């Protein structure tokens, strides 16, 4: 039997300009910049956010052309497609994006997320990564317990 995954700890984005990415993710999504020095003395930059009242998550940022090893086989800025569940309605998020000067590429549209129905807006970060910002329709309408009963853990 394979081990059970507990949660995703972090993600890595290869970016053209770390400062532009940090500025966008802080301003648009409320993430927090974090810097630290790795064991080799390299200063690293990541973006952190808290999942509700739960765990902290992070995105490590790698500068295109100087990625930290080991890395993806072909690290490329603008090749990611990420979905974040937001604590705003999609209508309120649309207003926030407009205030931030961020164009909505698509949405709002209904999609299916990991736990069921979501309403999504699609935007691009400074590198062209597709960022899906979604309102969780399942928990807003009390359907999470129903979904979990239909998808029990093995």
C-alpha atoms as a PDB file:
ATOM      1  CA  UNK A   1       0.000   0.000   0.000  1.00  0.00           C
ATOM      2  CA  UNK A   2       1.276   3.452  -0.895  1.00  0.00           C
ATOM      3  CA  UNK A   3       1.687   6.094   1.828  1.00  0.00           C
ATOM      4  CA  UNK A   4      -1.094   8.635   2.354  1.00  0.00           C
ATOM      5  CA  UNK A   5      -0.116  12.186   1.430  1.00  0.00           C
ATOM      6  CA  UNK A   6      -0.835  14.600   4.276  1.00  0.00           C
ATOM      7  CA  UNK A   7      -0.633  17.986   2.525  1.00  0.00           C
ATOM      8  CA  UNK A   8       1.375  19.946  -0.024  1.00  0.00           C
ATOM      9  CA  UNK A   9       4.118  21.900   1.757  1.00  0.00           C
ATOM     10  CA  UNK A  10       5.302  24.315  -0.930  1.00  0.00           C
ATOM     11  CA  UNK A  11       5.448  25.057  -4.640  1.00  0.00           C
ATOM     12  CA  UNK A  12       8.167  26.599  -6.801  1.00  0.00           C
ATOM     13  CA  UNK A  13       7.703  29.230  -9.485  1.00  0.00           C
ATOM     14  CA  UNK A  14      10.440  30.196 -11.905  1.00  0.00           C
ATOM     15  CA  UNK A  15      10.083  33.933 -12.545  1.00  0.00           C
ATOM     16  CA  UNK A  16      11.724  36.560 -14.745  1.00  0.00           C
ATOM     17  CA  UNK A  17      11.871  39.171 -11.985  1.00  0.00           C
ATOM     18  CA  UNK A  18      11.533  38.199  -8.319  1.00  0.00           C
ATOM     19  CA  UNK A  19      10.724  41.745  -7.163  1.00  0.00           C
ATOM     20  CA  UNK A  20       7.892  42.128  -9.710  1.00  0.00           C
ATOM     21  CA  UNK A  21       6.440  38.775  -8.646  1.00  0.00           C
ATOM     22  CA  UNK A  22       6.654  39.573  -4.938  1.00  0.00           C
ATOM     23  CA  UNK A  23       4.991  42.941  -5.480  1.00  0.00           C
ATOM     24  CA  UNK A  24       2.127  41.403  -7.488  1.00  0.00           C
ATOM     25  CA  UNK A  25       1.421  38.510  -5.093  1.00  0.00           C
ATOM     26  CA  UNK A  26       1.557  40.799  -2.041  1.00  0.00           C
ATOM     27  CA  UNK A  27      -0.692  43.466  -3.582  1.00  0.00           C
ATOM     28  CA  UNK A  28      -3.167  41.223  -5.374  1.00  0.00           C
ATOM     29  CA  UNK A  29      -3.335  38.112  -3.165  1.00  0.00           C
ATOM     30  CA  UNK A  30      -2.091  39.350   0.208  1.00  0.00           C
ATOM     31  CA  UNK A  31       0.859  36.950   0.380  1.00  0.00           C
ATOM     32  CA  UNK A  32       3.871  37.808   2.538  1.00  0.00           C
ATOM     33  CA  UNK A  33       7.485  38.011   1.419  1.00  0.00           C
ATOM     34  CA  UNK A  34      10.014  35.914   3.313  1.00  0.00           C
ATOM     35  CA  UNK A  35      13.792  35.892   2.836  1.00  0.00           C
ATOM     36  CA  UNK A  36      16.247  33.403   4.253  1.00  0.00           C
ATOM     37  CA  UNK A  37      19.752  32.165   3.626  1.00  0.00           C
ATOM     38  CA  UNK A  38      20.083  28.541   2.574  1.00  0.00           C
ATOM     39  CA  UNK A  39      22.896  26.233   3.738  1.00  0.00           C
ATOM     40  CA  UNK A  40      25.076  27.388   0.823  1.00  0.00           C
ATOM     41  CA  UNK A  41      24.690  31.058   1.762  1.00  0.00           C
ATOM     42  CA  UNK A  42      22.319  31.947  -1.083  1.00  0.00           C
ATOM     43  CA  UNK A  43      19.579  34.427  -0.161  1.00  0.00           C
ATOM     44  CA  UNK A  44      16.240  32.881  -1.113  1.00  0.00           C
ATOM     45  CA  UNK A  45      12.829  34.522  -1.478  1.00  0.00           C
ATOM     46  CA  UNK A  46       9.424  32.963  -0.962  1.00  0.00           C
ATOM     47  CA  UNK A  47       5.809  34.015  -0.659  1.00  0.00           C
ATOM     48  CA  UNK A  48       3.787  32.791   2.324  1.00  0.00           C
ATOM     49  CA  UNK A  49       0.088  32.591   3.090  1.00  0.00           C
ATOM     50  CA  UNK A  50      -1.991  30.903   5.735  1.00  0.00           C
ATOM     51  CA  UNK A  51      -4.747  28.483   4.791  1.00  0.00           C
ATOM     52  CA  UNK A  52      -7.606  29.783   6.933  1.00  0.00           C
ATOM     53  CA  UNK A  53      -6.590  29.276  10.553  1.00  0.00           C
ATOM     54  CA  UNK A  54      -4.462  26.310   9.520  1.00  0.00           C
ATOM     55  CA  UNK A  55      -1.040  25.647   8.064  1.00  0.00           C
ATOM     56  CA  UNK A  56       1.244  28.120   6.387  1.00  0.00           C
ATOM     57  CA  UNK A  57       2.023  27.463   2.724  1.00  0.00           C
ATOM     58  CA  UNK A  58       4.695  28.946   0.528  1.00  0.00           C
ATOM     59  CA  UNK A  59       5.828  29.452  -3.012  1.00  0.00           C
ATOM     60  CA  UNK A  60       9.600  29.522  -3.453  1.00  0.00           C
ATOM     61  CA  UNK A  61      10.662  31.897  -6.209  1.00  0.00           C
ATOM     62  CA  UNK A  62      13.509  30.919  -8.518  1.00  0.00           C
ATOM     63  CA  UNK A  63      15.076  33.504 -10.791  1.00  0.00           C
ATOM     64  CA  UNK A  64      14.922  32.272 -14.405  1.00  0.00           C
ATOM     65  CA  UNK A  65      18.391  31.167 -15.483  1.00  0.00           C
ATOM     66  CA  UNK A  66      19.703  30.760 -11.927  1.00  0.00           C
ATOM     67  CA  UNK A  67      17.336  28.120 -10.540  1.00  0.00           C
ATOM     68  CA  UNK A  68      18.256  26.326  -7.334  1.00  0.00           C
ATOM     69  CA  UNK A  69      19.150  22.649  -7.872  1.00  0.00           C
ATOM     70  CA  UNK A  70      17.489  20.265  -7.984  1.00  0.00           C
ATOM     71  CA  UNK A  71      14.752  21.807 -10.108  1.00  0.00           C
ATOM     72  CA  UNK A  72      12.217  20.890 -12.752  1.00  0.00           C
ATOM     73  CA  UNK A  73      13.632  19.415 -15.954  1.00  0.00           C
ATOM     74  CA  UNK A  74      12.752  22.540 -17.969  1.00  0.00           C
ATOM     75  CA  UNK A  75      12.029  25.404 -15.543  1.00  0.00           C
ATOM     76  CA  UNK A  76      10.223  28.126 -17.448  1.00  0.00           C
ATOM     77  CA  UNK A  77       8.702  31.401 -16.298  1.00  0.00           C
ATOM     78  CA  UNK A  78       5.011  31.572 -17.141  1.00  0.00           C
ATOM     79  CA  UNK A  79       4.365  27.820 -17.360  1.00  0.00           C
ATOM     80  CA  UNK A  80       2.356  27.338 -14.137  1.00  0.00           C
ATOM     81  CA  UNK A  81      -1.392  27.001 -13.723  1.00  0.00           C
ATOM     82  CA  UNK A  82      -2.425  27.421 -10.062  1.00  0.00           C
ATOM     83  CA  UNK A  83      -5.795  27.580  -8.340  1.00  0.00           C
ATOM     84  CA  UNK A  84      -6.347  29.307  -4.998  1.00  0.00           C
ATOM     85  CA  UNK A  85      -9.550  29.238  -2.967  1.00  0.00           C
ATOM     86  CA  UNK A  86     -10.295  32.780  -1.799  1.00  0.00           C
ATOM     87  CA  UNK A  87     -12.235  34.097   1.182  1.00  0.00           C
ATOM     88  CA  UNK A  88     -14.032  36.643  -1.025  1.00  0.00           C
ATOM     89  CA  UNK A  89     -17.013  36.088  -3.279  1.00  0.00           C
ATOM     90  CA  UNK A  90     -15.954  36.157  -6.926  1.00  0.00           C
ATOM     91  CA  UNK A  91     -17.869  39.430  -7.315  1.00  0.00           C
ATOM     92  CA  UNK A  92     -15.915  41.062  -4.513  1.00  0.00           C
ATOM     93  CA  UNK A  93     -12.685  39.590  -5.914  1.00  0.00           C
ATOM     94  CA  UNK A  94     -13.482  41.112  -9.312  1.00  0.00           C
ATOM     95  CA  UNK A  95     -13.756  44.521  -7.641  1.00  0.00           C
ATOM     96  CA  UNK A  96     -10.429  44.005  -5.857  1.00  0.00           C
ATOM     97  CA  UNK A  97      -8.713  42.934  -9.082  1.00  0.00           C
ATOM     98  CA  UNK A  98     -10.052  46.025 -10.848  1.00  0.00           C
ATOM     99  CA  UNK A  99      -8.700  48.233  -8.029  1.00  0.00           C
ATOM    100  CA  UNK A 100      -5.312  46.494  -8.458  1.00  0.00           C
ATOM    101  CA  UNK A 101      -5.343  47.002 -12.226  1.00  0.00           C
ATOM    102  CA  UNK A 102      -5.415  43.260 -12.923  1.00  0.00           C
ATOM    103  CA  UNK A 103      -7.423  42.156 -15.953  1.00  0.00           C
ATOM    104  CA  UNK A 104      -9.741  39.161 -15.644  1.00  0.00           C
ATOM    105  CA  UNK A 105      -9.059  36.834 -18.561  1.00  0.00           C
ATOM    106  CA  UNK A 106     -12.110  34.642 -17.945  1.00  0.00           C
ATOM    107  CA  UNK A 107     -14.904  34.525 -15.441  1.00  0.00           C
ATOM    108  CA  UNK A 108     -16.696  34.248 -13.345  1.00  0.00           C
ATOM    109  CA  UNK A 109     -17.283  30.660 -14.473  1.00  0.00           C
ATOM    110  CA  UNK A 110     -18.344  27.554 -12.580  1.00  0.00           C
ATOM    111  CA  UNK A 111     -15.745  24.811 -12.335  1.00  0.00           C
ATOM    112  CA  UNK A 112     -15.100  21.680 -10.295  1.00  0.00           C
ATOM    113  CA  UNK A 113     -12.362  21.929  -7.665  1.00  0.00           C
ATOM    114  CA  UNK A 114     -10.818  19.246  -5.466  1.00  0.00           C
ATOM    115  CA  UNK A 115     -13.833  19.270  -3.134  1.00  0.00           C
ATOM    116  CA  UNK A 116     -16.582  20.084  -5.625  1.00  0.00           C
ATOM    117  CA  UNK A 117     -18.148  23.234  -7.060  1.00  0.00           C
ATOM    118  CA  UNK A 118     -16.197  26.477  -7.311  1.00  0.00           C
ATOM    119  CA  UNK A 119     -16.812  29.802  -9.049  1.00  0.00           C
ATOM    120  CA  UNK A 120     -13.598  31.008 -10.684  1.00  0.00           C
ATOM    121  CA  UNK A 121     -11.866  34.042 -12.106  1.00  0.00           C
ATOM    122  CA  UNK A 122      -8.749  33.583 -14.246  1.00  0.00           C
ATOM    123  CA  UNK A 123      -5.937  36.156 -14.248  1.00  0.00           C
ATOM    124  CA  UNK A 124      -2.261  36.256 -15.217  1.00  0.00           C
ATOM    125  CA  UNK A 125       0.636  37.095 -12.914  1.00  0.00           C
ATOM    126  CA  UNK A 126       3.571  39.197 -14.217  1.00  0.00           C
ATOM    127  CA  UNK A 127       5.167  36.128 -15.849  1.00  0.00           C
ATOM    128  CA  UNK A 128       1.980  34.982 -17.546  1.00  0.00           C
ATOM    129  CA  UNK A 129       1.242  32.136 -15.127  1.00  0.00           C
ATOM    130  CA  UNK A 130      -2.475  31.349 -15.114  1.00  0.00           C
ATOM    131  CA  UNK A 131      -3.880  32.077 -11.665  1.00  0.00           C
ATOM    132  CA  UNK A 132      -7.376  30.798 -10.908  1.00  0.00           C
ATOM    133  CA  UNK A 133      -9.059  32.542  -7.991  1.00  0.00           C
ATOM    134  CA  UNK A 134     -12.053  30.590  -6.769  1.00  0.00           C
ATOM    135  CA  UNK A 135     -14.937  30.890  -4.378  1.00  0.00           C
ATOM    136  CA  UNK A 136     -15.621  27.535  -2.716  1.00  0.00           C
ATOM    137  CA  UNK A 137     -19.303  26.936  -3.389  1.00  0.00           C
ATOM    138  CA  UNK A 138     -19.344  23.629  -1.507  1.00  0.00           C
ATOM    139  CA  UNK A 139     -18.415  24.984   1.930  1.00  0.00           C
ATOM    140  CA  UNK A 140     -20.437  28.184   1.442  1.00  0.00           C
ATOM    141  CA  UNK A 141     -23.515  26.040   0.914  1.00  0.00           C
ATOM    142  CA  UNK A 142     -22.738  23.350   3.523  1.00  0.00           C
ATOM    143  CA  UNK A 143     -21.937  20.499   1.132  1.00  0.00           C
ATOM    144  CA  UNK A 144     -18.424  19.587   2.339  1.00  0.00           C
ATOM    145  CA  UNK A 145     -19.625  16.849   4.719  1.00  0.00           C
ATOM    146  CA  UNK A 146     -21.736  15.387   1.909  1.00  0.00           C
ATOM    147  CA  UNK A 147     -18.715  15.354  -0.444  1.00  0.00           C
ATOM    148  CA  UNK A 148     -16.467  13.766   2.212  1.00  0.00           C
ATOM    149  CA  UNK A 149     -19.046  11.018   2.863  1.00  0.00           C
ATOM    150  CA  UNK A 150     -19.007  10.191  -0.845  1.00  0.00           C
ATOM    151  CA  UNK A 151     -15.194  10.191  -1.014  1.00  0.00           C
ATOM    152  CA  UNK A 152     -13.969   8.323   2.095  1.00  0.00           C
ATOM    153  CA  UNK A 153     -10.284   7.898   2.858  1.00  0.00           C
ATOM    154  CA  UNK A 154      -8.975   4.450   2.105  1.00  0.00           C
END
